[in-house]
All heavy atoms as atom14 arrays in JSON, in Angstrom:
{
  "sequence": "EKPIVLHVARLVEKKGTEYLIRAFVKISDDFPDVELV",
  "atom14_mask": [
    [1, 1, 1, 1, 1, 1, 1, 1, 1, 0, 0, 0, 0, 0],
    [1, 1, 1, 1, 1, 1, 1, 1, 1, 0, 0, 0, 0, 0],
    [1, 1, 1, 1, 1, 1, 1, 0, 0, 0, 0, 0, 0, 0],
    [1, 1, 1, 1, 1, 1, 1, 1, 0, 0, 0, 0, 0, 0],
    [1, 1, 1, 1, 1, 1, 1, 0, 0, 0, 0, 0, 0, 0],
    [1, 1, 1, 1, 1, 1, 1, 1, 0, 0, 0, 0, 0, 0],
    [1, 1, 1, 1, 1, 1, 1, 1, 1, 1, 0, 0, 0, 0],
    [1, 1, 1, 1, 1, 1, 1, 0, 0, 0, 0, 0, 0, 0],
    [1, 1, 1, 1, 1, 0, 0, 0, 0, 0, 0, 0, 0, 0],
    [1, 1, 1, 1, 1, 1, 1, 1, 1, 1, 1, 0, 0, 0],
    [1, 1, 1, 1, 1, 1, 1, 1, 0, 0, 0, 0, 0, 0],
    [1, 1, 1, 1, 1, 1, 1, 0, 0, 0, 0, 0, 0, 0],
    [1, 1, 1, 1, 1, 1, 1, 1, 1, 0, 0, 0, 0, 0],
    [1, 1, 1, 1, 1, 1, 1, 1, 1, 0, 0, 0, 0, 0],
    [1, 1, 1, 1, 1, 1, 1, 1, 1, 0, 0, 0, 0, 0],
    [1, 1, 1, 1, 0, 0, 0, 0, 0, 0, 0, 0, 0, 0],
    [1, 1, 1, 1, 1, 1, 1, 0, 0, 0, 0, 0, 0, 0],
    [1, 1, 1, 1, 1, 1, 1, 1, 1, 0, 0, 0, 0, 0],
    [1, 1, 1, 1, 1, 1, 1, 1, 1, 1, 1, 1, 0, 0],
    [1, 1, 1, 1, 1, 1, 1, 1, 0, 0, 0, 0, 0, 0],
    [1, 1, 1, 1, 1, 1, 1, 1, 0, 0, 0, 0, 0, 0],
    [1, 1, 1, 1, 1, 1, 1, 1, 1, 1, 1, 0, 0, 0],
    [1, 1, 1, 1, 1, 0, 0, 0, 0, 0, 0, 0, 0, 0],
    [1, 1, 1, 1, 1, 1, 1, 1, 1, 1, 1, 0, 0, 0],
    [1, 1, 1, 1, 1, 1, 1, 0, 0, 0, 0, 0, 0, 0],
    [1, 1, 1, 1, 1, 1, 1, 1, 1, 0, 0, 0, 0, 0],
    [1, 1, 1, 1, 1, 1, 1, 1, 0, 0, 0, 0, 0, 0],
    [1, 1, 1, 1, 1, 1, 0, 0, 0, 0, 0, 0, 0, 0],
    [1, 1, 1, 1, 1, 1, 1, 1, 0, 0, 0, 0, 0, 0],
    [1, 1, 1, 1, 1, 1, 1, 1, 0, 0, 0, 0, 0, 0],
    [1, 1, 1, 1, 1, 1, 1, 1, 1, 1, 1, 0, 0, 0],
    [1, 1, 1, 1, 1, 1, 1, 0, 0, 0, 0, 0, 0, 0],
    [1, 1, 1, 1, 1, 1, 1, 1, 0, 0, 0, 0, 0, 0],
    [1, 1, 1, 1, 1, 1, 1, 0, 0, 0, 0, 0, 0, 0],
    [1, 1, 1, 1, 1, 1, 1, 1, 1, 0, 0, 0, 0, 0],
    [1, 1, 1, 1, 1, 1, 1, 1, 0, 0, 0, 0, 0, 0],
    [1, 1, 1, 1, 1, 1, 1, 0, 0, 0, 0, 0, 0, 0]
  ],
  "atom14_positions": [
    [[-4.71, 12.12, -9.16], [-5.08, 10.92, -8.27], [-5.21, 9.56, -9.04], [-5.74, 9.52, -10.09], [-6.3, 11.31, -7.63], [-6.88, 10.32, -6.72], [-8.27, 10.65, -6.14], [-8.42, 11.56, -5.43], [-9.24, 10.0, -6.66], [0.0, 0.0, 0.0], [0.0, 0.0, 0.0], [0.0, 0.0, 0.0], [0.0, 0.0, 0.0], [0.0, 0.0, 0.0]],
    [[-4.82, 8.52, -8.26], [-4.85, 7.23, -9.02], [-5.73, 6.43, -7.86], [-5.8, 6.76, -6.69], [-3.59, 6.61, -9.27], [-2.84, 7.28, -10.25], [-1.55, 6.53, -10.66], [-0.73, 7.34, -11.65], [-1.47, 7.55, -12.97], [0.0, 0.0, 0.0], [0.0, 0.0, 0.0], [0.0, 0.0, 0.0], [0.0, 0.0, 0.0], [0.0, 0.0, 0.0]],
    [[-6.4, 5.16, -8.36], [-7.15, 4.43, -7.4], [-6.24, 3.67, -6.45], [-6.03, 2.43, -6.53], [-7.93, 3.46, -8.28], [-7.0, 3.36, -9.49], [-6.39, 4.68, -9.58], [0.0, 0.0, 0.0], [0.0, 0.0, 0.0], [0.0, 0.0, 0.0], [0.0, 0.0, 0.0], [0.0, 0.0, 0.0], [0.0, 0.0, 0.0], [0.0, 0.0, 0.0]],
    [[-5.67, 4.5, -5.4], [-4.77, 3.81, -4.46], [-5.21, 4.19, -3.11], [-5.41, 5.34, -2.83], [-3.24, 4.3, -4.77], [-2.78, 3.75, -6.06], [-2.35, 3.92, -3.56], [-1.49, 4.4, -6.47], [0.0, 0.0, 0.0], [0.0, 0.0, 0.0], [0.0, 0.0, 0.0], [0.0, 0.0, 0.0], [0.0, 0.0, 0.0], [0.0, 0.0, 0.0]],
    [[-5.23, 3.26, -2.22], [-5.26, 3.37, -0.72], [-3.9, 3.2, -0.38], [-3.29, 2.14, -0.45], [-6.24, 2.35, -0.06], [-6.17, 2.49, 1.48], [-7.66, 2.48, -0.67], [0.0, 0.0, 0.0], [0.0, 0.0, 0.0], [0.0, 0.0, 0.0], [0.0, 0.0, 0.0], [0.0, 0.0, 0.0], [0.0, 0.0, 0.0], [0.0, 0.0, 0.0]],
    [[-3.24, 4.36, 0.39], [-1.88, 4.3, 0.76], [-1.88, 4.05, 2.24], [-2.55, 4.75, 3.08], [-1.3, 5.6, 0.42], [0.32, 5.73, 0.66], [1.07, 4.72, -0.03], [0.7, 7.16, 0.43], [0.0, 0.0, 0.0], [0.0, 0.0, 0.0], [0.0, 0.0, 0.0], [0.0, 0.0, 0.0], [0.0, 0.0, 0.0], [0.0, 0.0, 0.0]],
    [[-0.83, 3.34, 2.69], [-0.69, 3.05, 4.09], [0.83, 3.18, 4.29], [1.72, 2.52, 3.77], [-1.12, 1.59, 4.5], [-0.82, 1.22, 5.94], [-1.42, 1.98, 6.97], [-0.06, 0.23, 6.42], [-0.95, 1.32, 8.06], [-0.18, 0.3, 7.89], [0.0, 0.0, 0.0], [0.0, 0.0, 0.0], [0.0, 0.0, 0.0], [0.0, 0.0, 0.0]],
    [[1.29, 4.2, 5.25], [2.69, 4.47, 5.53], [2.85, 4.15, 6.91], [2.34, 4.96, 7.7], [3.03, 5.98, 5.21], [4.46, 6.26, 5.43], [2.71, 6.27, 3.65], [0.0, 0.0, 0.0], [0.0, 0.0, 0.0], [0.0, 0.0, 0.0], [0.0, 0.0, 0.0], [0.0, 0.0, 0.0], [0.0, 0.0, 0.0], [0.0, 0.0, 0.0]],
    [[3.66, 3.15, 7.25], [3.9, 2.72, 8.53], [4.99, 1.74, 8.77], [5.3, 0.98, 7.72], [2.59, 2.02, 9.11], [0.0, 0.0, 0.0], [0.0, 0.0, 0.0], [0.0, 0.0, 0.0], [0.0, 0.0, 0.0], [0.0, 0.0, 0.0], [0.0, 0.0, 0.0], [0.0, 0.0, 0.0], [0.0, 0.0, 0.0], [0.0, 0.0, 0.0]],
    [[5.51, 1.78, 9.99], [6.57, 0.65, 10.26], [5.61, -0.69, 10.57], [4.57, -0.43, 11.17], [7.44, 1.15, 11.44], [8.33, 0.0, 11.91], [9.24, 0.47, 12.92], [9.94, -0.49, 13.69], [10.73, -1.5, 13.36], [11.12, -1.51, 12.02], [11.2, -2.49, 14.14], [0.0, 0.0, 0.0], [0.0, 0.0, 0.0], [0.0, 0.0, 0.0]],
    [[6.08, -1.66, 10.12], [5.16, -2.87, 10.3], [5.3, -3.48, 11.55], [5.98, -4.61, 11.68], [5.4, -3.8, 9.1], [5.16, -3.21, 7.73], [5.55, -4.24, 6.42], [3.77, -2.61, 7.49], [0.0, 0.0, 0.0], [0.0, 0.0, 0.0], [0.0, 0.0, 0.0], [0.0, 0.0, 0.0], [0.0, 0.0, 0.0], [0.0, 0.0, 0.0]],
    [[4.68, -2.83, 12.49], [4.58, -3.32, 13.89], [3.17, -3.42, 14.37], [2.34, -2.76, 13.66], [5.46, -2.5, 14.86], [6.92, -2.65, 14.4], [4.99, -1.03, 14.79], [0.0, 0.0, 0.0], [0.0, 0.0, 0.0], [0.0, 0.0, 0.0], [0.0, 0.0, 0.0], [0.0, 0.0, 0.0], [0.0, 0.0, 0.0], [0.0, 0.0, 0.0]],
    [[2.85, -4.02, 15.36], [1.52, -4.29, 15.76], [0.66, -2.89, 15.96], [-0.52, -2.85, 15.55], [1.32, -4.92, 17.14], [0.02, -5.35, 17.66], [0.02, -5.81, 19.05], [1.18, -6.1, 19.69], [-1.1, -6.1, 19.58], [0.0, 0.0, 0.0], [0.0, 0.0, 0.0], [0.0, 0.0, 0.0], [0.0, 0.0, 0.0], [0.0, 0.0, 0.0]],
    [[1.21, -1.9, 16.59], [0.47, -0.71, 16.82], [-0.03, 0.11, 15.59], [-0.95, 0.87, 15.6], [1.27, 0.3, 17.78], [2.31, 0.97, 17.09], [3.06, 1.97, 18.01], [4.36, 2.6, 17.48], [4.97, 3.54, 18.38], [0.0, 0.0, 0.0], [0.0, 0.0, 0.0], [0.0, 0.0, 0.0], [0.0, 0.0, 0.0], [0.0, 0.0, 0.0]],
    [[0.58, -0.35, 14.4], [0.15, 0.47, 13.16], [-1.11, -0.1, 12.57], [-1.73, 0.43, 11.69], [1.19, 0.36, 12.14], [2.63, 1.09, 12.58], [2.38, 2.51, 12.67], [3.63, 3.28, 13.13], [3.58, 4.68, 13.13], [0.0, 0.0, 0.0], [0.0, 0.0, 0.0], [0.0, 0.0, 0.0], [0.0, 0.0, 0.0], [0.0, 0.0, 0.0]],
    [[-1.61, -1.28, 13.04], [-2.96, -1.76, 12.66], [-3.0, -2.22, 11.2], [-4.06, -2.36, 10.61], [0.0, 0.0, 0.0], [0.0, 0.0, 0.0], [0.0, 0.0, 0.0], [0.0, 0.0, 0.0], [0.0, 0.0, 0.0], [0.0, 0.0, 0.0], [0.0, 0.0, 0.0], [0.0, 0.0, 0.0], [0.0, 0.0, 0.0], [0.0, 0.0, 0.0]],
    [[-1.81, -2.46, 10.5], [-1.81, -3.03, 9.21], [-2.78, -4.18, 8.95], [-3.37, -4.25, 7.86], [-0.39, -3.25, 8.77], [0.37, -2.12, 9.17], [-0.35, -3.38, 7.17], [0.0, 0.0, 0.0], [0.0, 0.0, 0.0], [0.0, 0.0, 0.0], [0.0, 0.0, 0.0], [0.0, 0.0, 0.0], [0.0, 0.0, 0.0], [0.0, 0.0, 0.0]],
    [[-2.76, -5.08, 9.79], [-3.51, -6.33, 9.72], [-5.02, -5.84, 9.52], [-5.61, -6.52, 8.64], [-3.27, -7.27, 10.93], [-4.28, -8.45, 10.91], [-4.29, -9.21, 12.27], [-3.33, -9.02, 13.07], [-5.29, -9.94, 12.52], [0.0, 0.0, 0.0], [0.0, 0.0, 0.0], [0.0, 0.0, 0.0], [0.0, 0.0, 0.0], [0.0, 0.0, 0.0]],
    [[-5.51, -4.96, 10.28], [-6.89, -4.69, 10.23], [-7.18, -3.85, 8.93], [-8.25, -4.07, 8.39], [-7.3, -3.89, 11.46], [-6.86, -4.63, 12.63], [-5.72, -4.36, 13.5], [-7.65, -5.66, 13.15], [-5.3, -5.08, 14.54], [-7.2, -6.51, 14.25], [-6.15, -6.15, 14.94], [-5.72, -6.88, 15.99], [0.0, 0.0, 0.0], [0.0, 0.0, 0.0]],
    [[-6.29, -3.16, 8.5], [-6.4, -2.47, 7.03], [-6.59, -3.6, 6.06], [-7.41, -3.44, 5.11], [-5.4, -1.59, 6.84], [-5.25, -0.84, 5.6], [-6.6, -0.11, 5.33], [-4.04, 0.01, 5.31], [0.0, 0.0, 0.0], [0.0, 0.0, 0.0], [0.0, 0.0, 0.0], [0.0, 0.0, 0.0], [0.0, 0.0, 0.0], [0.0, 0.0, 0.0]],
    [[-5.68, -4.54, 6.06], [-5.74, -5.75, 4.97], [-7.07, -6.35, 5.14], [-7.71, -6.52, 4.0], [-4.51, -6.67, 5.23], [-3.29, -5.95, 4.92], [-4.74, -7.92, 4.4], [-1.98, -6.75, 5.29], [0.0, 0.0, 0.0], [0.0, 0.0, 0.0], [0.0, 0.0, 0.0], [0.0, 0.0, 0.0], [0.0, 0.0, 0.0], [0.0, 0.0, 0.0]],
    [[-7.59, -6.59, 6.32], [-8.81, -7.38, 6.37], [-10.0, -6.44, 6.0], [-11.04, -6.96, 5.47], [-8.99, -7.82, 7.96], [-8.02, -8.75, 8.42], [-8.16, -9.38, 9.73], [-7.29, -10.33, 10.25], [-7.22, -11.64, 9.8], [-8.23, -12.06, 9.14], [-6.26, -12.44, 10.31], [0.0, 0.0, 0.0], [0.0, 0.0, 0.0], [0.0, 0.0, 0.0]],
    [[-9.89, -5.14, 6.22], [-10.94, -4.28, 5.82], [-10.92, -4.2, 4.19], [-11.96, -4.12, 3.56], [-10.72, -2.9, 6.45], [0.0, 0.0, 0.0], [0.0, 0.0, 0.0], [0.0, 0.0, 0.0], [0.0, 0.0, 0.0], [0.0, 0.0, 0.0], [0.0, 0.0, 0.0], [0.0, 0.0, 0.0], [0.0, 0.0, 0.0], [0.0, 0.0, 0.0]],
    [[-9.72, -4.13, 3.67], [-9.56, -3.99, 2.14], [-10.16, -5.27, 1.5], [-10.82, -5.13, 0.44], [-8.14, -3.91, 1.88], [-7.85, -3.59, 0.41], [-8.03, -2.35, -0.12], [-7.45, -4.56, -0.46], [-7.86, -2.05, -1.43], [-7.25, -4.2, -1.81], [-7.4, -3.07, -2.31], [0.0, 0.0, 0.0], [0.0, 0.0, 0.0], [0.0, 0.0, 0.0]],
    [[-10.06, -6.41, 2.14], [-10.68, -7.69, 1.55], [-12.06, -7.42, 1.42], [-12.68, -7.86, 0.39], [-10.33, -8.79, 2.57], [-11.18, -10.03, 2.17], [-8.87, -9.19, 2.56], [0.0, 0.0, 0.0], [0.0, 0.0, 0.0], [0.0, 0.0, 0.0], [0.0, 0.0, 0.0], [0.0, 0.0, 0.0], [0.0, 0.0, 0.0], [0.0, 0.0, 0.0]],
    [[-12.71, -6.72, 2.31], [-14.28, -6.65, 2.37], [-14.74, -5.81, 1.08], [-15.83, -5.69, 0.69], [-14.66, -6.05, 3.75], [-14.48, -6.95, 4.84], [-14.8, -6.3, 6.19], [-14.42, -7.09, 7.48], [-15.07, -8.43, 7.4], [0.0, 0.0, 0.0], [0.0, 0.0, 0.0], [0.0, 0.0, 0.0], [0.0, 0.0, 0.0], [0.0, 0.0, 0.0]],
    [[-13.85, -4.88, 0.7], [-14.16, -3.95, -0.41], [-13.56, -4.19, -1.78], [-13.98, -3.61, -2.72], [-13.96, -2.45, -0.01], [-12.31, -2.3, 0.04], [-14.6, -2.11, 1.3], [-12.05, -0.8, 0.24], [0.0, 0.0, 0.0], [0.0, 0.0, 0.0], [0.0, 0.0, 0.0], [0.0, 0.0, 0.0], [0.0, 0.0, 0.0], [0.0, 0.0, 0.0]],
    [[-12.76, -5.24, -1.7], [-11.99, -5.42, -2.94], [-12.88, -5.85, -4.24], [-12.47, -5.45, -5.43], [-10.84, -6.54, -2.68], [-11.41, -7.73, -2.31], [0.0, 0.0, 0.0], [0.0, 0.0, 0.0], [0.0, 0.0, 0.0], [0.0, 0.0, 0.0], [0.0, 0.0, 0.0], [0.0, 0.0, 0.0], [0.0, 0.0, 0.0], [0.0, 0.0, 0.0]],
    [[-13.9, -6.58, -3.93], [-14.73, -7.01, -5.13], [-15.42, -5.68, -5.69], [-15.62, -5.72, -6.79], [-15.74, -7.97, -4.6], [-15.2, -9.34, -4.29], [-14.03, -9.7, -4.86], [-15.8, -10.14, -3.73], [0.0, 0.0, 0.0], [0.0, 0.0, 0.0], [0.0, 0.0, 0.0], [0.0, 0.0, 0.0], [0.0, 0.0, 0.0], [0.0, 0.0, 0.0]],
    [[-15.86, -4.78, -4.79], [-16.58, -3.55, -5.26], [-15.55, -2.69, -6.07], [-16.0, -1.8, -6.81], [-17.2, -2.86, -4.13], [-18.41, -3.65, -3.58], [-18.83, -4.48, -4.19], [-18.82, -3.25, -2.6], [0.0, 0.0, 0.0], [0.0, 0.0, 0.0], [0.0, 0.0, 0.0], [0.0, 0.0, 0.0], [0.0, 0.0, 0.0], [0.0, 0.0, 0.0]],
    [[-14.24, -2.74, -5.79], [-13.36, -1.88, -6.4], [-12.09, -2.71, -7.0], [-11.07, -2.61, -6.36], [-12.79, -0.87, -5.28], [-13.91, 0.03, -4.75], [-14.34, -0.25, -3.55], [-14.33, 1.07, -5.4], [-15.5, 0.61, -2.87], [-15.31, 2.02, -4.89], [-15.91, 1.7, -3.75], [0.0, 0.0, 0.0], [0.0, 0.0, 0.0], [0.0, 0.0, 0.0]],
    [[-12.28, -3.44, -7.75], [-11.3, -4.25, -8.34], [-10.08, -3.57, -8.99], [-8.97, -4.18, -9.03], [-11.89, -5.1, -9.62], [-13.09, -4.37, -9.9], [-13.68, -3.56, -8.67], [0.0, 0.0, 0.0], [0.0, 0.0, 0.0], [0.0, 0.0, 0.0], [0.0, 0.0, 0.0], [0.0, 0.0, 0.0], [0.0, 0.0, 0.0], [0.0, 0.0, 0.0]],
    [[-10.26, -2.37, -9.23], [-9.02, -1.54, -9.89], [-8.28, -0.91, -8.72], [-7.22, -0.29, -8.95], [-9.65, -0.57, -10.83], [-10.11, -1.11, -12.08], [-9.79, -2.32, -12.51], [-11.06, -0.6, -12.64], [0.0, 0.0, 0.0], [0.0, 0.0, 0.0], [0.0, 0.0, 0.0], [0.0, 0.0, 0.0], [0.0, 0.0, 0.0], [0.0, 0.0, 0.0]],
    [[-8.89, -0.86, -7.43], [-8.1, -0.15, -6.48], [-6.96, -1.05, -5.78], [-7.14, -2.15, -5.58], [-9.14, 0.26, -5.27], [-8.32, 0.86, -4.15], [-10.07, 1.29, -5.92], [0.0, 0.0, 0.0], [0.0, 0.0, 0.0], [0.0, 0.0, 0.0], [0.0, 0.0, 0.0], [0.0, 0.0, 0.0], [0.0, 0.0, 0.0], [0.0, 0.0, 0.0]],
    [[-5.93, -0.33, -5.54], [-4.69, -1.03, -4.99], [-4.4, -0.58, -3.58], [-4.69, 0.72, -3.32], [-3.46, -0.81, -5.86], [-3.58, -1.32, -7.22], [-2.29, -1.01, -8.07], [-1.7, 0.03, -7.84], [-1.94, -1.87, -8.87], [0.0, 0.0, 0.0], [0.0, 0.0, 0.0], [0.0, 0.0, 0.0], [0.0, 0.0, 0.0], [0.0, 0.0, 0.0]],
    [[-3.96, -1.42, -2.68], [-3.51, -1.01, -1.35], [-2.11, -1.04, -1.41], [-1.36, -2.09, -1.71], [-4.03, -2.03, -0.29], [-3.43, -1.84, 1.13], [-3.73, -0.47, 1.68], [-4.07, -2.89, 1.91], [0.0, 0.0, 0.0], [0.0, 0.0, 0.0], [0.0, 0.0, 0.0], [0.0, 0.0, 0.0], [0.0, 0.0, 0.0], [0.0, 0.0, 0.0]],
    [[-1.38, 0.14, -1.25], [0.03, 0.23, -1.28], [0.55, 0.48, 0.05], [0.16, 1.56, 0.72], [0.44, 1.39, -2.29], [2.03, 1.56, -2.19], [-0.01, 1.05, -3.74], [0.0, 0.0, 0.0], [0.0, 0.0, 0.0], [0.0, 0.0, 0.0], [0.0, 0.0, 0.0], [0.0, 0.0, 0.0], [0.0, 0.0, 0.0], [0.0, 0.0, 0.0]]
  ]
}
């Protein structure tokens, strides 16, 4: 395992990718080594 949050989705509205990015922003300072792929 590596410090990766994985998101597998076609980039359309129903996949909620925007909300994942906004949520990731909120935790990025606490986990500077974690990547969102």
